[in-house]
Amino acid sequence: MRPISRKSNLVRAVVLAVAVAASTLSGSAANADSTWISGPSLSTVSISGPSTAKTNNGWSVSTQSTEFTLNYKSSAADAGKFAQVNAFDLSAGLVVAFASSPLASPTGCEQQVLAGDSHSCMFKLDGTGAAAIHVSVSGSSVASSFRYILLSGPNIAQTDPGTITFTTPKSAVKPVLASVKAMAGGAALLRFKLLDAARPSVGVKVTIALKGIGDSLSATSATSDASGMVWVYVADLKGKKGLSTVTVTVLGTQTKGSATIKWVAGKLLG
């Protein structure tokens, strides 16, 4: 039987469950390499994904996120060894699940462990002593959080818990051009850049609204690209002259930015 630890608000109970299971390790992965990491430290664990950030006691993740990656990185001296991360004390409504694989691997958690608890992840390090585990998440809000620990074996050792919290994106929305001119009866392109402390905000979801002249938007929602950009086209098929305003709002927040289009007849003179 492979290590199986059950979800519990008491870390001690989790560790005892892993210790009992670890004493009877068997199976192909364990026979190939039954060693574990030693001296576990949360400094080897990080979280990556859009709008993730280090905090004093863990990491923060965007409330918009439906996934992130849990990374483990030590050294080649730990190549092929096992480690385990357990999540616990999940807020009500929050759903967190680690990716699984038939056997513990650098990208997936032992299925036999997950069969008992999707919040426990036994994984195996690659040749550089690293692993990257996909984590899916749903039901988060600014009030959501969970705690996590890193375990080693077979003589069980554990870290103090870290905490993952959820925050709304802090991106500012800036139009590339605050005002543009376009031919009545044609279309206009507007571009907006999302920034977090002057850095591009990647993968942030926004809503897009139109007021005034214009028949349609190319999209009413979008996600910022690798440069933090959001693009939208406005059509004026009826050939009306006048003004229209496009507003881009970060989903789930009051943060927004606007740009205007002046629809004119004849030639554009700038």
Protein backbone atom coordinates (compact mmCIF):
# COMPACT_ATOMS: atom_id res chain seq x y z
CA MET A 1 0.00 0.00 0.00
CA ARG A 2 1.30 3.45 -0.89
CA PRO A 3 1.24 6.37 1.57
CA ILE A 4 -2.35 7.52 2.07
CA SER A 5 -3.11 10.53 4.24
CA ARG A 6 -6.64 11.71 4.87
CA LYS A 7 -7.87 15.27 5.03
CA SER A 8 -7.91 16.57 8.56
CA ASN A 9 -7.86 19.88 10.31
CA LEU A 10 -5.35 18.29 12.69
CA VAL A 11 -1.94 18.08 11.04
CA ARG A 12 -0.86 15.47 13.55
CA ALA A 13 -3.56 13.08 12.40
CA VAL A 14 -2.44 13.55 8.79
CA VAL A 15 1.17 12.77 9.67
CA LEU A 16 0.26 9.65 11.64
CA ALA A 17 -1.74 8.31 8.71
CA VAL A 18 1.22 8.83 6.37
CA ALA A 19 3.62 7.23 8.86
CA VAL A 20 1.59 4.02 9.12
CA ALA A 21 1.29 3.73 5.34
CA ALA A 22 4.95 4.57 4.73
CA SER A 23 6.08 1.68 6.94
CA THR A 24 4.54 -0.80 4.47
CA LEU A 25 5.67 0.73 1.16
CA SER A 26 5.40 -1.68 -1.78
CA GLY A 27 4.79 -1.55 -5.55
CA SER A 28 6.89 -0.77 -8.59
CA ALA A 29 7.61 2.90 -7.87
CA ALA A 30 8.57 2.23 -4.26
CA ASN A 31 10.71 -0.79 -5.20
CA ALA A 32 12.52 1.27 -7.85
CA ASP A 33 13.38 3.99 -5.31
CA SER A 34 11.92 3.91 -1.80
CA THR A 35 13.87 6.94 -0.55
CA TRP A 36 12.24 10.23 0.35
CA ILE A 37 13.51 13.75 0.67
CA SER A 38 14.93 14.67 4.07
CA GLY A 39 14.62 17.86 6.05
CA PRO A 40 11.53 19.17 4.22
CA SER A 41 11.32 22.95 3.87
CA LEU A 42 8.56 25.12 2.43
CA SER A 43 11.31 27.21 0.81
CA THR A 44 11.44 24.47 -1.86
CA VAL A 45 7.74 24.93 -2.66
CA SER A 46 6.36 27.74 -4.81
CA ILE A 47 3.15 28.58 -6.64
CA SER A 48 3.05 29.86 -10.23
CA GLY A 49 0.26 31.09 -12.49
CA PRO A 50 -1.43 34.34 -13.49
CA SER A 51 -1.55 36.88 -10.64
CA THR A 52 0.20 34.67 -8.06
CA ALA A 53 2.45 36.31 -5.47
CA LYS A 54 4.59 35.43 -2.44
CA THR A 55 3.19 36.45 0.95
CA ASN A 56 4.63 36.48 4.46
CA ASN A 57 3.34 32.99 5.26
CA GLY A 58 2.72 31.43 1.86
CA TRP A 59 1.26 32.53 -1.46
CA SER A 60 -1.71 34.42 -2.88
CA VAL A 61 -3.70 33.36 -5.94
CA SER A 62 -6.17 35.37 -8.03
CA THR A 63 -9.86 34.77 -7.39
CA GLN A 64 -10.12 34.53 -11.19
CA SER A 65 -7.80 31.52 -11.32
CA THR A 66 -9.18 28.10 -12.14
CA GLU A 67 -5.73 26.53 -11.92
CA PHE A 68 -2.18 27.08 -10.78
CA THR A 69 1.03 25.04 -10.56
CA LEU A 70 2.63 23.82 -7.37
CA ASN A 71 6.39 23.70 -7.92
CA TYR A 72 9.02 21.83 -5.93
CA LYS A 73 12.71 22.58 -6.54
CA SER A 74 15.74 21.32 -4.61
CA SER A 75 18.87 19.80 -6.19
CA ALA A 76 19.95 16.84 -8.28
CA ALA A 77 20.93 15.09 -5.03
CA ASP A 78 17.19 14.48 -4.53
CA ALA A 79 16.61 13.11 -8.04
CA GLY A 80 14.08 10.28 -8.04
CA LYS A 81 13.07 10.76 -4.40
CA PHE A 82 9.52 11.03 -3.09
CA ALA A 83 7.81 13.92 -1.30
CA GLN A 84 4.24 14.70 -0.32
CA VAL A 85 2.19 17.86 -0.01
CA ASN A 86 -1.08 17.90 1.90
CA ALA A 87 -3.74 20.64 1.72
CA PHE A 88 -6.14 21.11 4.64
CA ASP A 89 -8.37 23.63 6.41
CA LEU A 90 -10.08 24.58 3.13
CA SER A 91 -12.64 27.39 3.36
CA ALA A 92 -16.27 26.44 2.80
CA GLY A 93 -17.08 26.14 -0.91
CA LEU A 94 -13.44 26.06 -2.01
CA VAL A 95 -12.52 23.06 -4.19
CA VAL A 96 -8.85 22.19 -4.71
CA ALA A 97 -7.60 19.06 -6.53
CA PHE A 98 -4.10 17.90 -7.46
CA ALA A 99 -3.43 16.33 -10.86
CA SER A 100 -3.02 12.54 -10.70
CA SER A 101 -0.91 9.96 -12.52
CA PRO A 102 -0.84 6.12 -12.33
CA LEU A 103 2.38 6.31 -10.29
CA ALA A 104 3.93 9.20 -8.43
CA SER A 105 5.74 11.40 -10.97
CA PRO A 106 7.20 14.91 -11.36
CA THR A 107 3.88 16.06 -12.88
CA GLY A 108 1.25 13.95 -11.12
CA CYS A 109 0.24 12.56 -7.75
CA GLU A 110 -0.02 8.85 -6.93
CA GLN A 111 -3.58 7.82 -7.84
CA GLN A 112 -3.81 5.42 -4.93
CA VAL A 113 -3.17 8.31 -2.57
CA LEU A 114 -5.69 10.50 -4.40
CA ALA A 115 -8.31 7.76 -4.24
CA GLY A 116 -8.49 8.39 -0.53
CA ASP A 117 -8.07 12.16 -0.57
CA SER A 118 -7.66 14.57 -3.50
CA HIS A 119 -5.95 17.00 -1.11
CA SER A 120 -2.93 14.71 -0.62
CA CYS A 121 -0.22 14.56 -3.28
CA MET A 122 2.63 12.05 -3.21
CA PHE A 123 5.00 12.88 -6.08
CA LYS A 124 8.43 11.80 -7.36
CA LEU A 125 11.19 14.26 -8.29
CA ASP A 126 12.79 14.38 -11.73
CA GLY A 127 16.51 14.16 -12.52
CA THR A 128 17.12 17.72 -11.30
CA GLY A 129 15.23 17.29 -8.03
CA ALA A 130 12.16 19.18 -9.24
CA ALA A 131 8.44 18.63 -9.77
CA ALA A 132 5.55 20.72 -11.11
CA ILE A 133 2.03 19.61 -10.15
CA HIS A 134 -1.06 21.10 -11.78
CA VAL A 135 -3.74 22.13 -9.28
CA SER A 136 -7.33 22.91 -10.26
CA VAL A 137 -9.41 25.25 -8.13
CA SER A 138 -13.01 26.49 -8.04
CA GLY A 139 -15.37 28.23 -5.64
CA SER A 140 -12.80 30.80 -4.49
CA SER A 141 -13.50 34.28 -3.14
CA VAL A 142 -11.55 36.93 -1.26
CA ALA A 143 -12.57 35.12 1.94
CA SER A 144 -11.09 31.78 0.76
CA SER A 145 -7.87 30.15 1.91
CA PHE A 146 -6.28 26.81 2.72
CA ARG A 147 -3.16 25.58 4.46
CA TYR A 148 -0.54 23.15 3.25
CA ILE A 149 2.45 21.18 4.58
CA LEU A 150 5.37 19.34 2.97
CA LEU A 151 6.10 15.82 4.23
CA SER A 152 9.05 13.45 3.91
CA GLY A 153 9.55 9.80 4.88
CA PRO A 154 9.76 6.96 5.60
CA ASN A 155 10.71 8.41 9.01
CA ILE A 156 8.08 11.12 8.79
CA ALA A 157 9.11 14.76 9.06
CA GLN A 158 6.95 17.75 8.22
CA THR A 159 7.12 21.51 7.83
CA ASP A 160 5.07 24.08 9.65
CA PRO A 161 2.03 24.95 7.54
CA GLY A 162 1.96 27.64 4.87
CA THR A 163 -1.21 29.41 3.76
CA ILE A 164 -2.62 30.08 0.30
CA THR A 165 -5.05 32.98 0.14
CA PHE A 166 -7.15 34.38 -2.70
CA THR A 167 -7.20 38.00 -3.77
CA THR A 168 -8.83 39.99 -6.55
CA PRO A 169 -6.48 41.14 -9.34
CA LYS A 170 -4.89 44.53 -8.65
CA SER A 171 -4.47 45.39 -12.32
CA ALA A 172 -4.94 48.94 -13.56
CA VAL A 173 -6.62 49.31 -16.98
CA LYS A 174 -5.01 51.86 -19.31
CA PRO A 175 -6.18 52.59 -22.88
CA VAL A 176 -3.28 52.72 -25.34
CA LEU A 177 -5.08 55.71 -26.93
CA ALA A 178 -7.73 57.51 -24.90
CA SER A 179 -9.46 58.74 -28.08
CA VAL A 180 -9.43 57.63 -31.71
CA LYS A 181 -11.19 58.65 -34.93
CA ALA A 182 -12.87 56.23 -37.32
CA MET A 183 -14.90 56.38 -40.51
CA ALA A 184 -18.66 56.21 -40.03
CA GLY A 185 -19.86 52.97 -41.57
CA GLY A 186 -16.59 51.19 -40.75
CA ALA A 187 -14.89 49.74 -37.72
CA ALA A 188 -12.44 50.92 -35.08
CA LEU A 189 -9.83 49.13 -33.01
CA LEU A 190 -9.20 49.94 -29.36
CA ARG A 191 -6.40 48.54 -27.25
CA PHE A 192 -6.13 48.43 -23.47
CA LYS A 193 -3.14 47.45 -21.34
CA LEU A 194 -3.51 45.85 -17.92
CA LEU A 195 -0.73 46.67 -15.48
CA ASP A 196 0.19 45.62 -11.95
CA ALA A 197 2.80 47.98 -10.52
CA ALA A 198 3.94 48.84 -14.08
CA ARG A 199 4.27 45.15 -15.02
CA PRO A 200 1.94 43.55 -17.59
CA SER A 201 -0.92 41.60 -16.00
CA VAL A 202 -1.17 38.33 -17.88
CA GLY A 203 -4.27 36.13 -17.97
CA VAL A 204 -6.61 38.61 -16.28
CA LYS A 205 -10.28 38.34 -17.25
CA VAL A 206 -12.22 41.48 -18.16
CA THR A 207 -15.68 42.50 -19.33
CA ILE A 208 -16.17 44.99 -22.19
CA ALA A 209 -19.11 47.38 -22.57
CA LEU A 210 -20.13 49.84 -25.32
CA LYS A 211 -22.15 53.04 -25.04
CA GLY A 212 -23.13 55.51 -27.77
CA ILE A 213 -22.62 55.09 -31.52
CA GLY A 214 -21.81 51.58 -32.76
CA ASP A 215 -23.72 48.44 -33.61
CA SER A 216 -21.58 45.76 -31.98
CA LEU A 217 -18.42 44.79 -30.16
CA SER A 218 -16.10 42.04 -31.34
CA ALA A 219 -16.28 40.62 -27.78
CA THR A 220 -17.97 41.40 -24.47
CA SER A 221 -15.30 39.60 -22.46
CA ALA A 222 -11.60 38.87 -22.90
CA THR A 223 -8.42 37.72 -21.17
CA SER A 224 -5.24 39.79 -21.24
CA ASP A 225 -2.47 38.30 -23.39
CA ALA A 226 1.22 37.73 -22.64
CA SER A 227 1.82 41.49 -22.93
CA GLY A 228 -1.13 42.38 -20.71
CA MET A 229 -3.09 43.59 -23.74
CA VAL A 230 -6.82 43.40 -24.50
CA TRP A 231 -8.02 44.16 -28.06
CA VAL A 232 -11.56 45.02 -29.13
CA TYR A 233 -13.19 46.12 -32.39
CA VAL A 234 -16.30 48.30 -32.62
CA ALA A 235 -18.46 48.34 -35.77
CA ASP A 236 -20.55 51.31 -36.96
CA LEU A 237 -22.47 49.53 -39.72
CA LYS A 238 -25.27 52.09 -39.87
CA GLY A 239 -22.84 54.88 -40.72
CA LYS A 240 -23.79 57.17 -37.84
CA LYS A 241 -21.59 60.09 -36.85
CA GLY A 242 -20.87 60.83 -33.22
CA LEU A 243 -19.15 59.37 -30.20
CA SER A 244 -18.97 55.96 -28.58
CA THR A 245 -17.28 54.88 -25.35
CA VAL A 246 -15.80 51.48 -24.63
CA THR A 247 -15.17 50.51 -21.02
CA VAL A 248 -13.02 47.55 -19.93
CA THR A 249 -13.56 46.31 -16.34
CA VAL A 250 -11.50 43.73 -14.47
CA LEU A 251 -13.90 40.89 -13.71
CA GLY A 252 -15.06 40.83 -10.10
CA THR A 253 -13.75 44.33 -9.32
CA GLN A 254 -14.58 48.00 -9.84
CA THR A 255 -11.28 48.60 -11.67
CA LYS A 256 -11.90 49.93 -15.18
CA GLY A 257 -10.58 52.03 -18.02
CA SER A 258 -12.33 53.71 -20.96
CA ALA A 259 -11.57 55.02 -24.44
CA THR A 260 -13.71 56.97 -26.92
CA ILE A 261 -14.24 56.72 -30.66
CA LYS A 262 -15.24 59.72 -32.78
CA TRP A 263 -17.08 58.51 -35.90
CA VAL A 264 -16.65 60.94 -38.78
CA ALA A 265 -17.60 61.16 -42.44
CA GLY A 266 -15.13 61.88 -45.24
CA LYS A 267 -11.38 61.53 -44.93
CA LEU A 268 -9.57 61.17 -41.63
CA LEU A 269 -7.17 64.07 -41.14
CA GLY A 270 -5.74 62.87 -37.78
